[in-house]
Amino acid sequence: MAKAKGEHYVDNKIFLKAMIEWREKCKEIEVVGDKKQIPPVTNYMGECFLKIATHLSYRPNFINYTYKDDMISDGIENCLQYASNFNPEKSSNPFAYFTQIIYYAFIRRIQKEKKQTHVKNKIISGSNYESYVTMPGDSTSYQVLNSFAVENLPQEDVYKPKKVDNIANKDKKGLENFMEDEDNEVKEYNK
């Protein structure tokens, strides 16, 4: 017995119809001459953006972040910002279009938060941290926390993307990478 398919949380056909109707309103406003003014998105479109962002945040690679609400907000904001760029003549899948927008908004928020965490850790590891946590008359020593932060903090910003240097291996192909001797010269074999 075949398992019945469940309904999706966003119906792509209805969403496409709503996007087409909204784009027609945008075109009507452009005809009038006010290109900067776009009509507000419909309640249904807003619900779809919210549902897509919320359900995408349940994926295993996004679920455990403490700033998940910020990620969802960024995703919805980007959907509203780029809704007018969706072209139904090129694609009949607004669900996929806005899912990609939200996905990359999530990635950008994670990068921002990791960078912010690194900055906070750098501040904590500074030599004047004790002056931030002591009050006049407080005789408690906070050196243990300060030395812990210095020992466990990476020296460089590890959250920046790494640049890969493939120039050295650019000319080599296949097994030649494994056929180097001590002088870093490729072994020549008699044919």
N, C-alpha and C. Protein backbone atom coordinates (compact mmCIF):
# COMPACT_ATOMS: atom_id res chain seq x y z
N MET A 1 0.85 -1.18 0.00
CA MET A 1 0.00 0.00 0.00
C MET A 1 0.89 1.24 0.00
N ALA A 2 0.66 2.13 -0.92
CA ALA A 2 1.48 3.33 -1.06
C ALA A 2 1.12 4.36 0.01
N LYS A 3 2.15 5.03 0.48
CA LYS A 3 1.94 6.05 1.50
C LYS A 3 1.41 7.33 0.84
N ALA A 4 0.38 7.90 1.42
CA ALA A 4 -0.21 9.12 0.86
C ALA A 4 0.73 10.29 1.09
N LYS A 5 0.86 11.11 0.07
CA LYS A 5 1.72 12.30 0.18
C LYS A 5 1.04 13.34 1.05
N GLY A 6 1.81 13.90 1.97
CA GLY A 6 1.28 14.97 2.80
C GLY A 6 1.31 16.29 2.06
N GLU A 7 0.50 17.20 2.49
CA GLU A 7 0.48 18.51 1.86
C GLU A 7 1.71 19.30 2.29
N HIS A 8 2.25 20.05 1.36
CA HIS A 8 3.40 20.89 1.68
C HIS A 8 2.91 22.12 2.43
N TYR A 9 3.81 22.71 3.19
CA TYR A 9 3.40 23.87 3.98
C TYR A 9 3.21 25.11 3.12
N VAL A 10 3.77 25.11 1.90
CA VAL A 10 3.53 26.18 0.94
C VAL A 10 3.14 25.53 -0.38
N ASP A 11 1.97 25.88 -0.88
CA ASP A 11 1.54 25.35 -2.18
C ASP A 11 2.16 26.21 -3.27
N ASN A 12 3.04 25.60 -4.05
CA ASN A 12 3.82 26.34 -5.03
C ASN A 12 2.94 26.95 -6.12
N LYS A 13 1.87 26.28 -6.51
CA LYS A 13 1.00 26.80 -7.57
C LYS A 13 0.26 28.05 -7.11
N ILE A 14 -0.25 28.01 -5.89
CA ILE A 14 -0.96 29.18 -5.35
C ILE A 14 0.03 30.32 -5.11
N PHE A 15 1.21 29.96 -4.62
CA PHE A 15 2.26 30.96 -4.39
C PHE A 15 2.66 31.63 -5.70
N LEU A 16 2.80 30.84 -6.77
CA LEU A 16 3.15 31.40 -8.08
C LEU A 16 2.04 32.33 -8.56
N LYS A 17 0.80 31.93 -8.39
CA LYS A 17 -0.34 32.78 -8.80
C LYS A 17 -0.32 34.11 -8.04
N ALA A 18 -0.05 34.04 -6.74
CA ALA A 18 0.01 35.27 -5.93
C ALA A 18 1.17 36.16 -6.38
N MET A 19 2.29 35.55 -6.74
CA MET A 19 3.44 36.33 -7.20
C MET A 19 3.14 37.01 -8.53
N ILE A 20 2.46 36.29 -9.43
CA ILE A 20 2.11 36.86 -10.73
C ILE A 20 1.17 38.04 -10.56
N GLU A 21 0.16 37.89 -9.70
CA GLU A 21 -0.79 38.99 -9.44
C GLU A 21 -0.07 40.19 -8.83
N TRP A 22 0.83 39.93 -7.91
CA TRP A 22 1.57 41.03 -7.27
C TRP A 22 2.47 41.74 -8.28
N ARG A 23 3.11 40.97 -9.17
CA ARG A 23 3.96 41.59 -10.19
C ARG A 23 3.14 42.44 -11.16
N GLU A 24 1.93 42.03 -11.45
CA GLU A 24 1.06 42.84 -12.30
C GLU A 24 0.76 44.18 -11.65
N LYS A 25 0.54 44.16 -10.32
CA LYS A 25 0.33 45.42 -9.61
C LYS A 25 1.59 46.29 -9.68
N CYS A 26 2.74 45.66 -9.60
CA CYS A 26 4.01 46.41 -9.71
C CYS A 26 4.13 47.06 -11.08
N LYS A 27 3.73 46.33 -12.12
CA LYS A 27 3.81 46.88 -13.48
C LYS A 27 2.84 48.03 -13.66
N GLU A 28 1.66 47.95 -13.05
CA GLU A 28 0.68 49.03 -13.14
C GLU A 28 1.24 50.31 -12.52
N ILE A 29 1.93 50.16 -11.41
CA ILE A 29 2.51 51.34 -10.74
C ILE A 29 3.65 51.92 -11.59
N GLU A 30 4.42 51.05 -12.27
CA GLU A 30 5.49 51.53 -13.15
C GLU A 30 4.92 52.31 -14.31
N VAL A 31 3.75 51.90 -14.84
CA VAL A 31 3.12 52.60 -15.94
C VAL A 31 2.72 54.01 -15.51
N VAL A 32 2.26 54.13 -14.28
CA VAL A 32 1.87 55.44 -13.76
C VAL A 32 3.09 56.35 -13.69
N GLY A 33 4.25 55.77 -13.47
CA GLY A 33 5.47 56.57 -13.46
C GLY A 33 6.21 56.59 -12.14
N ASP A 34 5.67 56.00 -11.12
CA ASP A 34 6.33 56.00 -9.81
C ASP A 34 7.09 54.68 -9.64
N LYS A 35 8.34 54.65 -10.16
CA LYS A 35 9.12 53.42 -10.15
C LYS A 35 9.63 53.07 -8.76
N LYS A 36 9.77 54.05 -7.89
CA LYS A 36 10.30 53.79 -6.55
C LYS A 36 9.24 53.17 -5.64
N GLN A 37 7.99 53.39 -5.95
CA GLN A 37 6.90 52.89 -5.12
C GLN A 37 6.48 51.51 -5.62
N ILE A 38 6.60 50.50 -4.76
CA ILE A 38 6.10 49.18 -5.11
C ILE A 38 4.99 48.85 -4.13
N PRO A 39 4.02 48.07 -4.57
CA PRO A 39 2.91 47.74 -3.67
C PRO A 39 3.38 46.81 -2.55
N PRO A 40 2.73 46.88 -1.40
CA PRO A 40 3.10 45.96 -0.32
C PRO A 40 2.77 44.53 -0.72
N VAL A 41 3.54 43.60 -0.20
CA VAL A 41 3.26 42.20 -0.49
C VAL A 41 1.95 41.81 0.18
N THR A 42 1.32 40.81 -0.38
CA THR A 42 0.04 40.37 0.19
C THR A 42 0.29 39.58 1.47
N ASN A 43 -0.76 39.41 2.24
CA ASN A 43 -0.64 38.63 3.48
C ASN A 43 -0.22 37.20 3.17
N TYR A 44 -0.74 36.64 2.08
CA TYR A 44 -0.38 35.27 1.72
C TYR A 44 1.11 35.16 1.40
N MET A 45 1.64 36.12 0.66
CA MET A 45 3.06 36.10 0.34
C MET A 45 3.90 36.20 1.61
N GLY A 46 3.49 37.08 2.52
CA GLY A 46 4.20 37.21 3.78
C GLY A 46 4.16 35.93 4.60
N GLU A 47 3.00 35.26 4.60
CA GLU A 47 2.89 33.98 5.30
C GLU A 47 3.82 32.94 4.68
N CYS A 48 3.90 32.94 3.36
CA CYS A 48 4.78 31.98 2.68
C CYS A 48 6.24 32.25 3.04
N PHE A 49 6.64 33.52 3.05
CA PHE A 49 8.02 33.85 3.43
C PHE A 49 8.31 33.36 4.85
N LEU A 50 7.38 33.61 5.75
CA LEU A 50 7.55 33.20 7.14
C LEU A 50 7.62 31.68 7.27
N LYS A 51 6.74 30.98 6.57
CA LYS A 51 6.74 29.52 6.63
C LYS A 51 8.02 28.93 6.06
N ILE A 52 8.48 29.45 4.94
CA ILE A 52 9.71 28.95 4.33
C ILE A 52 10.88 29.17 5.27
N ALA A 53 10.99 30.37 5.82
CA ALA A 53 12.11 30.68 6.71
C ALA A 53 12.05 29.83 7.98
N THR A 54 10.87 29.67 8.54
CA THR A 54 10.74 28.89 9.78
C THR A 54 11.08 27.42 9.54
N HIS A 55 10.57 26.85 8.46
CA HIS A 55 10.83 25.45 8.19
C HIS A 55 12.29 25.21 7.78
N LEU A 56 12.90 26.17 7.11
CA LEU A 56 14.31 26.03 6.76
C LEU A 56 15.18 26.07 8.01
N SER A 57 14.74 26.79 9.02
CA SER A 57 15.51 26.87 10.27
C SER A 57 15.48 25.55 11.04
N TYR A 58 14.60 24.62 10.68
CA TYR A 58 14.55 23.32 11.33
C TYR A 58 15.55 22.33 10.76
N ARG A 59 16.20 22.70 9.67
CA ARG A 59 17.20 21.79 9.09
C ARG A 59 18.32 21.57 10.09
N PRO A 60 18.96 20.41 10.04
CA PRO A 60 20.00 20.10 11.03
C PRO A 60 21.18 21.08 11.05
N ASN A 61 21.49 21.70 9.92
CA ASN A 61 22.61 22.63 9.91
C ASN A 61 22.24 24.02 10.45
N PHE A 62 20.98 24.26 10.78
CA PHE A 62 20.57 25.56 11.31
C PHE A 62 19.87 25.46 12.67
N ILE A 63 19.58 24.29 13.15
CA ILE A 63 18.65 24.15 14.28
C ILE A 63 19.21 24.60 15.63
N ASN A 64 20.48 24.45 15.88
CA ASN A 64 21.00 24.68 17.22
C ASN A 64 21.57 26.08 17.47
N TYR A 65 21.35 27.01 16.59
CA TYR A 65 21.87 28.35 16.81
C TYR A 65 20.96 29.13 17.75
N THR A 66 21.57 29.87 18.66
CA THR A 66 20.78 30.64 19.62
C THR A 66 20.14 31.87 18.98
N TYR A 67 20.65 32.29 17.87
CA TYR A 67 20.13 33.48 17.18
C TYR A 67 19.27 33.08 15.98
N LYS A 68 18.54 31.99 16.12
CA LYS A 68 17.71 31.49 15.03
C LYS A 68 16.62 32.50 14.64
N ASP A 69 16.08 33.22 15.61
CA ASP A 69 15.06 34.23 15.30
C ASP A 69 15.63 35.34 14.42
N ASP A 70 16.88 35.71 14.68
CA ASP A 70 17.54 36.72 13.84
C ASP A 70 17.73 36.20 12.42
N MET A 71 18.06 34.92 12.31
CA MET A 71 18.22 34.31 11.00
C MET A 71 16.91 34.35 10.22
N ILE A 72 15.82 33.99 10.89
CA ILE A 72 14.51 34.01 10.24
C ILE A 72 14.13 35.42 9.82
N SER A 73 14.39 36.38 10.69
CA SER A 73 14.08 37.79 10.37
C SER A 73 14.89 38.27 9.17
N ASP A 74 16.18 37.91 9.13
CA ASP A 74 17.01 38.30 7.99
C ASP A 74 16.49 37.67 6.70
N GLY A 75 16.06 36.41 6.77
CA GLY A 75 15.53 35.74 5.60
C GLY A 75 14.28 36.41 5.07
N ILE A 76 13.38 36.76 5.97
CA ILE A 76 12.13 37.43 5.55
C ILE A 76 12.45 38.80 4.98
N GLU A 77 13.36 39.51 5.62
CA GLU A 77 13.74 40.84 5.12
C GLU A 77 14.30 40.75 3.70
N ASN A 78 15.16 39.77 3.45
CA ASN A 78 15.72 39.61 2.11
C ASN A 78 14.65 39.21 1.10
N CYS A 79 13.68 38.40 1.51
CA CYS A 79 12.58 38.05 0.60
C CYS A 79 11.80 39.29 0.20
N LEU A 80 11.51 40.15 1.17
CA LEU A 80 10.78 41.38 0.87
C LEU A 80 11.61 42.31 -0.02
N GLN A 81 12.91 42.31 0.21
CA GLN A 81 13.79 43.18 -0.56
C GLN A 81 13.90 42.73 -2.02
N TYR A 82 13.92 41.40 -2.25
CA TYR A 82 14.15 40.89 -3.60
C TYR A 82 12.91 40.26 -4.23
N ALA A 83 11.74 40.48 -3.65
CA ALA A 83 10.52 39.90 -4.21
C ALA A 83 10.26 40.41 -5.62
N SER A 84 10.58 41.65 -5.88
CA SER A 84 10.32 42.20 -7.21
C SER A 84 11.26 41.64 -8.27
N ASN A 85 12.33 40.97 -7.87
CA ASN A 85 13.25 40.38 -8.84
C ASN A 85 12.78 39.03 -9.36
N PHE A 86 11.79 38.43 -8.70
CA PHE A 86 11.29 37.13 -9.17
C PHE A 86 10.57 37.33 -10.50
N ASN A 87 10.97 36.54 -11.50
CA ASN A 87 10.39 36.66 -12.82
C ASN A 87 9.67 35.35 -13.16
N PRO A 88 8.33 35.36 -13.19
CA PRO A 88 7.60 34.12 -13.49
C PRO A 88 7.79 33.64 -14.92
N GLU A 89 8.30 34.48 -15.80
CA GLU A 89 8.57 34.05 -17.17
C GLU A 89 9.80 33.15 -17.23
N LYS A 90 10.73 33.34 -16.30
CA LYS A 90 11.95 32.52 -16.27
C LYS A 90 11.78 31.28 -15.39
N SER A 91 11.01 31.39 -14.33
CA SER A 91 10.86 30.28 -13.40
C SER A 91 9.43 30.21 -12.90
N SER A 92 8.94 28.99 -12.77
CA SER A 92 7.60 28.80 -12.22
C SER A 92 7.68 28.22 -10.81
N ASN A 93 8.80 28.45 -10.13
CA ASN A 93 9.01 27.88 -8.81
C ASN A 93 9.44 28.97 -7.82
N PRO A 94 8.49 29.78 -7.34
CA PRO A 94 8.87 30.82 -6.38
C PRO A 94 9.33 30.24 -5.04
N PHE A 95 8.86 29.05 -4.70
CA PHE A 95 9.28 28.40 -3.46
C PHE A 95 10.79 28.19 -3.46
N ALA A 96 11.34 27.66 -4.54
CA ALA A 96 12.79 27.43 -4.63
C ALA A 96 13.55 28.75 -4.64
N TYR A 97 13.03 29.74 -5.34
CA TYR A 97 13.69 31.04 -5.43
C TYR A 97 13.84 31.67 -4.05
N PHE A 98 12.77 31.71 -3.30
CA PHE A 98 12.82 32.35 -1.99
C PHE A 98 13.51 31.47 -0.94
N THR A 99 13.48 30.16 -1.13
CA THR A 99 14.24 29.29 -0.23
C THR A 99 15.73 29.57 -0.36
N GLN A 100 16.21 29.78 -1.58
CA GLN A 100 17.63 30.10 -1.79
C GLN A 100 17.98 31.45 -1.17
N ILE A 101 17.10 32.42 -1.31
CA ILE A 101 17.34 33.74 -0.72
C ILE A 101 17.45 33.61 0.80
N ILE A 102 16.55 32.86 1.40
CA ILE A 102 16.56 32.69 2.85
C ILE A 102 17.78 31.89 3.29
N TYR A 103 18.14 30.87 2.54
CA TYR A 103 19.31 30.05 2.87
C TYR A 103 20.57 30.91 2.96
N TYR A 104 20.78 31.75 1.97
CA TYR A 104 21.97 32.59 1.98
C TYR A 104 21.89 33.69 3.04
N ALA A 105 20.69 34.13 3.38
CA ALA A 105 20.54 35.07 4.49
C ALA A 105 20.95 34.40 5.80
N PHE A 106 20.58 33.13 5.97
CA PHE A 106 20.99 32.37 7.16
C PHE A 106 22.51 32.27 7.22
N ILE A 107 23.13 31.94 6.11
CA ILE A 107 24.60 31.79 6.07
C ILE A 107 25.27 33.11 6.43
N ARG A 108 24.77 34.22 5.89
CA ARG A 108 25.36 35.53 6.21
C ARG A 108 25.20 35.86 7.69
N ARG A 109 24.06 35.54 8.29
CA ARG A 109 23.85 35.81 9.71
C ARG A 109 24.80 34.97 10.56
N ILE A 110 24.99 33.73 10.21
CA ILE A 110 25.92 32.86 10.95
C ILE A 110 27.33 33.42 10.88
N GLN A 111 27.75 33.87 9.71
CA GLN A 111 29.09 34.45 9.57
C GLN A 111 29.23 35.72 10.41
N LYS A 112 28.19 36.57 10.40
CA LYS A 112 28.24 37.79 11.21
C LYS A 112 28.34 37.47 12.69
N GLU A 113 27.56 36.51 13.15
CA GLU A 113 27.55 36.16 14.57
C GLU A 113 28.89 35.53 14.99
N LYS A 114 29.46 34.71 14.14
CA LYS A 114 30.75 34.11 14.48
C LYS A 114 31.84 35.17 14.54
N LYS A 115 31.78 36.11 13.62
CA LYS A 115 32.76 37.20 13.64
C LYS A 115 32.58 38.03 14.90
N GLN A 116 31.34 38.30 15.28
CA GLN A 116 31.05 39.06 16.48
C GLN A 116 31.54 38.34 17.72
N THR A 117 31.37 37.03 17.75
CA THR A 117 31.86 36.22 18.87
C THR A 117 33.38 36.31 18.97
N HIS A 118 34.02 36.28 17.83
CA HIS A 118 35.49 36.38 17.82
C HIS A 118 35.93 37.75 18.35
N VAL A 119 35.23 38.80 17.96
CA VAL A 119 35.56 40.14 18.45
C VAL A 119 35.36 40.21 19.96
N LYS A 120 34.28 39.64 20.46
CA LYS A 120 34.04 39.63 21.91
C LYS A 120 35.15 38.88 22.63
N ASN A 121 35.56 37.76 22.08
CA ASN A 121 36.64 36.99 22.70
C ASN A 121 37.96 37.75 22.68
N LYS A 122 38.21 38.49 21.63
CA LYS A 122 39.42 39.31 21.56
C LYS A 122 39.39 40.40 22.63
N ILE A 123 38.24 41.00 22.84
CA ILE A 123 38.11 42.04 23.86
C ILE A 123 38.34 41.44 25.25
N ILE A 124 37.75 40.27 25.48
CA ILE A 124 37.92 39.61 26.77
C ILE A 124 39.37 39.26 27.01
N SER A 125 40.07 38.85 25.97
CA SER A 125 41.46 38.43 26.13
C SER A 125 42.41 39.60 26.33
N GLY A 126 41.93 40.83 26.18
CA GLY A 126 42.78 42.00 26.35
C GLY A 126 43.27 42.13 27.79
N SER A 127 44.31 42.90 27.96
CA SER A 127 44.94 43.02 29.28
C SER A 127 44.09 43.83 30.25
N ASN A 128 43.17 44.63 29.79
CA ASN A 128 42.37 45.49 30.67
C ASN A 128 41.02 44.88 31.01
N TYR A 129 40.86 43.59 30.83
CA TYR A 129 39.57 42.96 31.11
C TYR A 129 39.20 43.10 32.59
N GLU A 130 40.17 43.05 33.46
CA GLU A 130 39.90 43.11 34.88
C GLU A 130 39.25 44.43 35.28
N SER A 131 39.58 45.51 34.57
CA SER A 131 38.99 46.79 34.90
C SER A 131 37.50 46.84 34.57
N TYR A 132 37.03 45.97 33.66
CA TYR A 132 35.62 45.94 33.31
C TYR A 132 34.78 45.17 34.33
N VAL A 133 35.39 44.22 35.03
CA VAL A 133 34.60 43.35 35.90
C VAL A 133 34.75 43.68 37.38
N THR A 134 35.64 44.57 37.74
CA THR A 134 35.83 44.88 39.16
C THR A 134 35.11 46.17 39.52
N MET A 135 34.64 46.20 40.73
CA MET A 135 33.99 47.39 41.27
C MET A 135 34.93 47.98 42.32
N PRO A 136 34.79 49.25 42.62
CA PRO A 136 35.63 49.81 43.68
C PRO A 136 35.40 49.05 44.99
N GLY A 137 36.48 48.67 45.63
CA GLY A 137 36.40 47.92 46.87
C GLY A 137 36.37 46.42 46.66
N ASP A 138 36.32 45.96 45.41
CA ASP A 138 36.31 44.52 45.12
C ASP A 138 37.74 44.02 45.11
N SER A 139 38.01 43.03 45.95
CA SER A 139 39.38 42.52 46.04
C SER A 139 39.52 41.16 45.38
N THR A 140 38.51 40.68 44.67
CA THR A 140 38.56 39.37 44.03
C THR A 140 39.46 39.42 42.81
N SER A 141 40.26 38.39 42.62
CA SER A 141 41.15 38.30 41.47
C SER A 141 40.44 37.58 40.33
N TYR A 142 40.50 38.13 39.14
CA TYR A 142 39.87 37.54 37.98
C TYR A 142 40.89 37.06 36.97
N GLN A 143 42.09 36.84 37.38
CA GLN A 143 43.16 36.41 36.48
C GLN A 143 42.89 35.04 35.87
N VAL A 144 42.21 34.14 36.58
CA VAL A 144 41.96 32.80 36.06
C VAL A 144 41.12 32.88 34.79
N LEU A 145 40.07 33.68 34.82
CA LEU A 145 39.23 33.83 33.63
C LEU A 145 40.02 34.46 32.50
N ASN A 146 40.79 35.48 32.79
CA ASN A 146 41.56 36.17 31.76
C ASN A 146 42.59 35.23 31.14
N SER A 147 43.32 34.45 31.93
CA SER A 147 44.32 33.55 31.37
C SER A 147 43.64 32.43 30.58
N PHE A 148 42.46 31.99 31.03
CA PHE A 148 41.72 30.97 30.29
C PHE A 148 41.35 31.47 28.90
N ALA A 149 40.86 32.72 28.83
CA ALA A 149 40.45 33.28 27.54
C ALA A 149 41.65 33.44 26.61
N VAL A 150 42.78 33.85 27.13
CA VAL A 150 43.97 34.03 26.29
C VAL A 150 44.47 32.69 25.77
N GLU A 151 44.45 31.66 26.60
CA GLU A 151 44.95 30.35 26.19
C GLU A 151 44.06 29.69 25.14
N ASN A 152 42.78 29.90 25.20
CA ASN A 152 41.85 29.20 24.31
C ASN A 152 41.38 30.01 23.12
N LEU A 153 41.85 31.20 22.95
CA LEU A 153 41.44 32.04 21.84
C LEU A 153 42.40 31.89 20.68
N PRO A 154 41.91 31.61 19.47
CA PRO A 154 42.81 31.53 18.33
C PRO A 154 43.43 32.90 18.04
N GLN A 155 44.66 32.89 17.57
CA GLN A 155 45.39 34.13 17.33
C GLN A 155 44.87 34.87 16.10
N GLU A 156 44.35 34.15 15.14
CA GLU A 156 43.84 34.80 13.93
C GLU A 156 42.34 34.63 13.85
N ASP A 157 41.72 35.36 12.98
CA ASP A 157 40.29 35.27 12.80
C ASP A 157 39.99 33.99 12.01
N VAL A 158 39.57 32.95 12.69
CA VAL A 158 39.36 31.66 12.04
C VAL A 158 38.04 31.60 11.29
N TYR A 159 37.24 32.63 11.37
CA TYR A 159 35.94 32.60 10.74
C TYR A 159 35.95 33.21 9.34
N LYS A 160 37.10 33.72 8.91
CA LYS A 160 37.20 34.21 7.55
C LYS A 160 37.38 33.01 6.62
N PRO A 161 36.85 33.10 5.41
CA PRO A 161 37.05 31.99 4.48
C PRO A 161 38.54 31.83 4.15
N LYS A 162 38.98 30.61 4.06
CA LYS A 162 40.37 30.31 3.75
C LYS A 162 40.59 30.42 2.25
N LYS A 163 41.70 31.03 1.86
CA LYS A 163 42.07 31.09 0.45
C LYS A 163 42.96 29.89 0.14
N VAL A 164 42.60 29.19 -0.89
CA VAL A 164 43.35 28.00 -1.27
C VAL A 164 44.34 28.38 -2.35
N ASP A 165 45.58 27.98 -2.14
CA ASP A 165 46.64 28.29 -3.09
C ASP A 165 46.93 27.06 -3.93
N ASN A 166 46.37 27.04 -5.12
CA ASN A 166 46.56 25.91 -6.03
C ASN A 166 47.53 26.23 -7.14
N ILE A 167 48.26 27.32 -7.02
CA ILE A 167 49.19 27.71 -8.08
C ILE A 167 50.31 26.69 -8.22
N ALA A 168 50.80 26.15 -7.11
CA ALA A 168 51.92 25.21 -7.15
C ALA A 168 51.53 23.93 -7.88
N ASN A 169 50.31 23.48 -7.73
CA ASN A 169 49.88 22.24 -8.35
C ASN A 169 49.10 22.47 -9.64
N LYS A 170 49.11 23.68 -10.17
CA LYS A 170 48.31 24.00 -11.34
C LYS A 170 48.78 23.24 -12.58
N ASP A 171 50.10 23.11 -12.75
CA ASP A 171 50.62 22.47 -13.94
C ASP A 171 50.56 20.95 -13.86
N LYS A 172 50.46 20.40 -12.68
CA LYS A 172 50.48 18.96 -12.50
C LYS A 172 49.08 18.39 -12.67
N LYS A 173 49.04 17.22 -13.24
CA LYS A 173 47.76 16.56 -13.46
C LYS A 173 47.87 15.12 -13.02
N GLY A 174 46.81 14.60 -12.45
CA GLY A 174 46.73 13.20 -12.13
C GLY A 174 47.75 12.74 -11.10
N LEU A 175 48.50 11.67 -11.42
CA LEU A 175 49.42 11.04 -10.49
C LEU A 175 50.72 11.81 -10.31
N GLU A 176 50.97 12.82 -11.12
CA GLU A 176 52.22 13.57 -11.00
C GLU A 176 52.36 14.22 -9.63
N ASN A 177 51.25 14.51 -8.96
CA ASN A 177 51.32 15.09 -7.61
C ASN A 177 51.96 14.13 -6.62
N PHE A 178 51.87 12.84 -6.88
CA PHE A 178 52.39 11.84 -5.96
C PHE A 178 53.78 11.34 -6.34
N MET A 179 54.31 11.79 -7.45
CA MET A 179 55.58 11.28 -7.96
C MET A 179 56.71 12.27 -7.76
N GLU A 180 56.77 12.96 -6.65
CA GLU A 180 57.83 13.92 -6.38
C GLU A 180 58.91 13.28 -5.53
N ASP A 181 60.17 13.66 -5.77
CA ASP A 181 61.25 13.18 -4.91
C ASP A 181 61.64 14.29 -3.94
N GLU A 182 62.75 14.13 -3.24
CA GLU A 182 63.15 15.06 -2.20
C GLU A 182 63.44 16.46 -2.72
N ASP A 183 63.86 16.59 -3.97
CA ASP A 183 64.19 17.89 -4.53
C ASP A 183 62.98 18.57 -5.16
N ASN A 184 61.80 18.04 -4.91
CA ASN A 184 60.54 18.56 -5.47
C ASN A 184 60.55 18.61 -6.99
N GLU A 185 61.26 17.69 -7.59
CA GLU A 185 61.24 17.57 -9.05
C GLU A 185 60.45 16.33 -9.41
N VAL A 186 59.73 16.38 -10.49
CA VAL A 186 58.94 15.24 -10.94
C VAL A 186 59.91 14.22 -11.50
N LYS A 187 59.77 12.96 -11.12
CA LYS A 187 60.63 11.89 -11.62
C LYS A 187 60.32 11.63 -13.09
N GLU A 188 61.36 11.48 -13.82
CA GLU A 188 61.22 11.15 -15.23
C GLU A 188 61.41 9.64 -15.39
N TYR A 189 60.51 9.01 -16.02
CA TYR A 189 60.61 7.58 -16.26
C TYR A 189 60.89 7.36 -17.76
N ASN A 190 61.73 6.40 -18.02
CA ASN A 190 62.02 6.06 -19.41
C ASN A 190 60.81 5.41 -20.04
N LYS A 191 60.55 5.83 -21.21
CA LYS A 191 59.38 5.27 -21.93
C LYS A 191 59.80 4.13 -22.81
